[in-house]
N, C-alpha and C. Protein backbone atom coordinates (compact mmCIF):
# COMPACT_ATOMS: atom_id res chain seq x y z
N UNK A 1 10.28 12.87 -13.15
CA UNK A 1 10.28 11.50 -13.60
C UNK A 1 8.90 10.90 -13.34
N UNK A 2 8.33 10.19 -14.35
CA UNK A 2 7.02 9.57 -14.16
C UNK A 2 7.08 8.44 -13.12
N UNK A 3 5.97 8.25 -12.45
CA UNK A 3 5.90 7.17 -11.46
C UNK A 3 5.71 5.84 -12.16
N UNK A 4 6.35 4.79 -11.66
CA UNK A 4 6.18 3.46 -12.26
C UNK A 4 4.76 2.95 -12.06
N UNK A 5 4.34 2.10 -12.96
CA UNK A 5 3.04 1.46 -12.89
C UNK A 5 3.26 -0.05 -12.77
N UNK A 6 2.55 -0.67 -11.85
CA UNK A 6 2.61 -2.12 -11.70
C UNK A 6 1.27 -2.68 -12.16
N UNK A 7 1.31 -3.51 -13.21
CA UNK A 7 0.12 -4.14 -13.75
C UNK A 7 0.05 -5.57 -13.23
N UNK A 8 -1.11 -5.97 -12.74
CA UNK A 8 -1.30 -7.32 -12.23
C UNK A 8 -2.43 -7.97 -13.01
N UNK A 9 -2.12 -9.04 -13.73
CA UNK A 9 -3.11 -9.79 -14.49
C UNK A 9 -3.28 -11.16 -13.84
N UNK A 10 -4.55 -11.54 -13.64
CA UNK A 10 -4.87 -12.86 -13.08
C UNK A 10 -5.74 -13.58 -14.11
N UNK A 11 -5.27 -14.73 -14.59
CA UNK A 11 -6.05 -15.45 -15.61
C UNK A 11 -7.07 -16.38 -14.94
N UNK A 12 -7.86 -17.04 -15.76
CA UNK A 12 -8.93 -17.91 -15.26
C UNK A 12 -8.41 -19.06 -14.41
N UNK A 13 -7.18 -19.49 -14.65
CA UNK A 13 -6.59 -20.59 -13.87
C UNK A 13 -6.00 -20.10 -12.55
N UNK A 14 -6.01 -18.78 -12.34
CA UNK A 14 -5.47 -18.22 -11.10
C UNK A 14 -4.00 -17.86 -11.18
N UNK A 15 -3.40 -18.00 -12.36
CA UNK A 15 -1.99 -17.61 -12.53
C UNK A 15 -1.91 -16.09 -12.58
N UNK A 16 -0.88 -15.55 -11.97
CA UNK A 16 -0.71 -14.10 -11.84
C UNK A 16 0.50 -13.65 -12.65
N UNK A 17 0.34 -12.54 -13.37
CA UNK A 17 1.43 -11.96 -14.14
C UNK A 17 1.59 -10.51 -13.67
N UNK A 18 2.79 -10.16 -13.22
CA UNK A 18 3.08 -8.81 -12.76
C UNK A 18 4.00 -8.16 -13.79
N UNK A 19 3.61 -6.98 -14.27
CA UNK A 19 4.42 -6.24 -15.23
C UNK A 19 4.69 -4.86 -14.69
N UNK A 20 5.94 -4.42 -14.75
CA UNK A 20 6.32 -3.09 -14.31
C UNK A 20 6.53 -2.22 -15.54
N UNK A 21 5.91 -1.05 -15.55
CA UNK A 21 6.10 -0.09 -16.64
C UNK A 21 6.58 1.23 -16.05
N UNK A 22 7.38 1.95 -16.82
CA UNK A 22 7.79 3.28 -16.40
C UNK A 22 8.98 3.30 -15.45
N UNK A 23 9.79 2.24 -15.45
CA UNK A 23 10.96 2.19 -14.57
C UNK A 23 12.03 1.36 -15.26
N UNK A 24 13.19 1.95 -15.48
CA UNK A 24 14.28 1.23 -16.12
C UNK A 24 15.29 0.78 -15.08
N UNK A 25 16.00 -0.27 -15.40
CA UNK A 25 17.02 -0.81 -14.49
C UNK A 25 16.45 -1.87 -13.58
N UNK A 26 17.31 -2.50 -12.80
CA UNK A 26 16.90 -3.63 -11.97
C UNK A 26 16.06 -3.25 -10.74
N UNK A 27 15.80 -2.00 -10.51
CA UNK A 27 15.01 -1.58 -9.36
C UNK A 27 13.57 -2.06 -9.39
N UNK A 28 13.11 -2.57 -10.53
CA UNK A 28 11.73 -3.06 -10.61
C UNK A 28 11.50 -4.20 -9.64
N UNK A 29 12.53 -4.98 -9.37
CA UNK A 29 12.37 -6.11 -8.45
C UNK A 29 12.07 -5.62 -7.04
N UNK A 30 12.62 -4.50 -6.66
CA UNK A 30 12.31 -3.93 -5.34
C UNK A 30 10.85 -3.49 -5.28
N UNK A 31 10.31 -3.05 -6.44
CA UNK A 31 8.92 -2.60 -6.49
C UNK A 31 7.94 -3.76 -6.36
N UNK A 32 8.34 -4.95 -6.80
CA UNK A 32 7.41 -6.09 -6.83
C UNK A 32 7.73 -7.17 -5.80
N UNK A 33 8.81 -7.03 -5.08
CA UNK A 33 9.26 -8.09 -4.15
C UNK A 33 8.18 -8.51 -3.17
N UNK A 34 7.53 -7.56 -2.52
CA UNK A 34 6.50 -7.90 -1.54
C UNK A 34 5.31 -8.60 -2.19
N UNK A 35 4.91 -8.13 -3.37
CA UNK A 35 3.81 -8.78 -4.08
C UNK A 35 4.16 -10.22 -4.42
N UNK A 36 5.36 -10.43 -4.93
CA UNK A 36 5.79 -11.78 -5.30
C UNK A 36 5.75 -12.71 -4.09
N UNK A 37 6.24 -12.24 -2.96
CA UNK A 37 6.27 -13.08 -1.76
C UNK A 37 4.87 -13.40 -1.27
N UNK A 38 3.94 -12.45 -1.37
CA UNK A 38 2.58 -12.67 -0.90
C UNK A 38 1.76 -13.55 -1.84
N UNK A 39 2.07 -13.51 -3.15
CA UNK A 39 1.25 -14.20 -4.13
C UNK A 39 1.68 -15.63 -4.42
N UNK A 40 2.90 -15.99 -4.10
CA UNK A 40 3.30 -17.37 -4.33
C UNK A 40 4.66 -17.52 -4.97
N UNK A 41 4.89 -18.68 -5.56
CA UNK A 41 6.18 -19.02 -6.16
C UNK A 41 6.33 -18.35 -7.52
N UNK A 42 7.52 -17.85 -7.80
CA UNK A 42 7.83 -17.27 -9.10
C UNK A 42 8.14 -18.39 -10.07
N UNK A 43 7.39 -18.45 -11.17
CA UNK A 43 7.61 -19.46 -12.19
C UNK A 43 8.59 -18.99 -13.25
N UNK A 44 8.53 -17.71 -13.57
CA UNK A 44 9.39 -17.16 -14.62
C UNK A 44 9.62 -15.69 -14.34
N UNK A 45 10.84 -15.23 -14.55
CA UNK A 45 11.21 -13.83 -14.39
C UNK A 45 11.80 -13.38 -15.73
N UNK A 46 11.03 -12.64 -16.48
CA UNK A 46 11.42 -12.24 -17.84
C UNK A 46 11.92 -10.80 -17.81
N UNK A 47 13.10 -10.58 -18.33
CA UNK A 47 13.68 -9.24 -18.35
C UNK A 47 13.72 -8.71 -19.78
N UNK A 48 13.17 -7.53 -19.97
CA UNK A 48 13.17 -6.90 -21.28
C UNK A 48 14.42 -6.03 -21.41
N UNK A 49 14.72 -5.52 -22.59
CA UNK A 49 15.93 -4.71 -22.77
C UNK A 49 16.04 -3.51 -21.81
N UNK A 50 14.90 -2.93 -21.43
CA UNK A 50 14.93 -1.78 -20.53
C UNK A 50 15.49 -2.13 -19.15
N UNK A 51 15.42 -3.40 -18.77
CA UNK A 51 15.97 -3.84 -17.49
C UNK A 51 17.46 -3.50 -17.42
N UNK A 52 18.15 -3.59 -18.55
CA UNK A 52 19.59 -3.41 -18.57
C UNK A 52 20.02 -1.95 -18.76
N UNK A 53 19.06 -1.04 -18.87
CA UNK A 53 19.37 0.38 -18.99
C UNK A 53 19.48 1.01 -17.61
N UNK A 54 20.20 2.10 -17.56
CA UNK A 54 20.25 2.85 -16.30
C UNK A 54 18.88 3.46 -16.05
N UNK A 55 18.56 3.65 -14.78
CA UNK A 55 17.26 4.17 -14.42
C UNK A 55 17.11 5.60 -14.92
N UNK A 56 16.12 5.81 -15.80
CA UNK A 56 15.81 7.13 -16.30
C UNK A 56 14.31 7.35 -16.36
N UNK A 57 13.55 6.33 -16.11
CA UNK A 57 12.10 6.41 -16.23
C UNK A 57 11.66 6.03 -17.63
N UNK A 58 10.44 5.62 -17.76
CA UNK A 58 9.88 5.24 -19.05
C UNK A 58 10.18 3.80 -19.40
N UNK A 59 9.33 3.22 -20.17
CA UNK A 59 9.57 1.88 -20.67
C UNK A 59 9.08 0.77 -19.75
N UNK A 60 8.84 -0.37 -20.34
CA UNK A 60 8.46 -1.57 -19.60
C UNK A 60 9.67 -2.48 -19.59
N UNK A 61 9.96 -3.11 -18.47
CA UNK A 61 11.18 -3.90 -18.47
C UNK A 61 11.14 -5.24 -17.77
N UNK A 62 10.09 -5.58 -17.10
CA UNK A 62 10.10 -6.89 -16.46
C UNK A 62 8.67 -7.42 -16.34
N UNK A 63 8.55 -8.71 -16.52
CA UNK A 63 7.27 -9.37 -16.28
C UNK A 63 7.57 -10.60 -15.45
N UNK A 64 6.81 -10.79 -14.40
CA UNK A 64 7.03 -11.90 -13.47
C UNK A 64 5.76 -12.72 -13.42
N UNK A 65 5.86 -13.99 -13.74
CA UNK A 65 4.71 -14.89 -13.69
C UNK A 65 4.75 -15.68 -12.40
N UNK A 66 3.63 -15.70 -11.70
CA UNK A 66 3.53 -16.39 -10.41
C UNK A 66 2.41 -17.41 -10.48
N UNK A 67 2.51 -18.40 -9.64
CA UNK A 67 1.41 -19.35 -9.51
C UNK A 67 1.09 -19.47 -8.04
């Protein structure tokens, strides 16, 4: 199974967007929980269709915007 990738984008205003790729199912939140707590308040938690699939690897399924 491929390892998940966590992408972190920081825009000019300092807003942070965390995207998990390569992991299906709700386990992505466990992968990003510490980052979310360290970076600030969660403004939006967007779940893609892969979030609702059983974990099999592959696909992007969650993006979390922080400020």
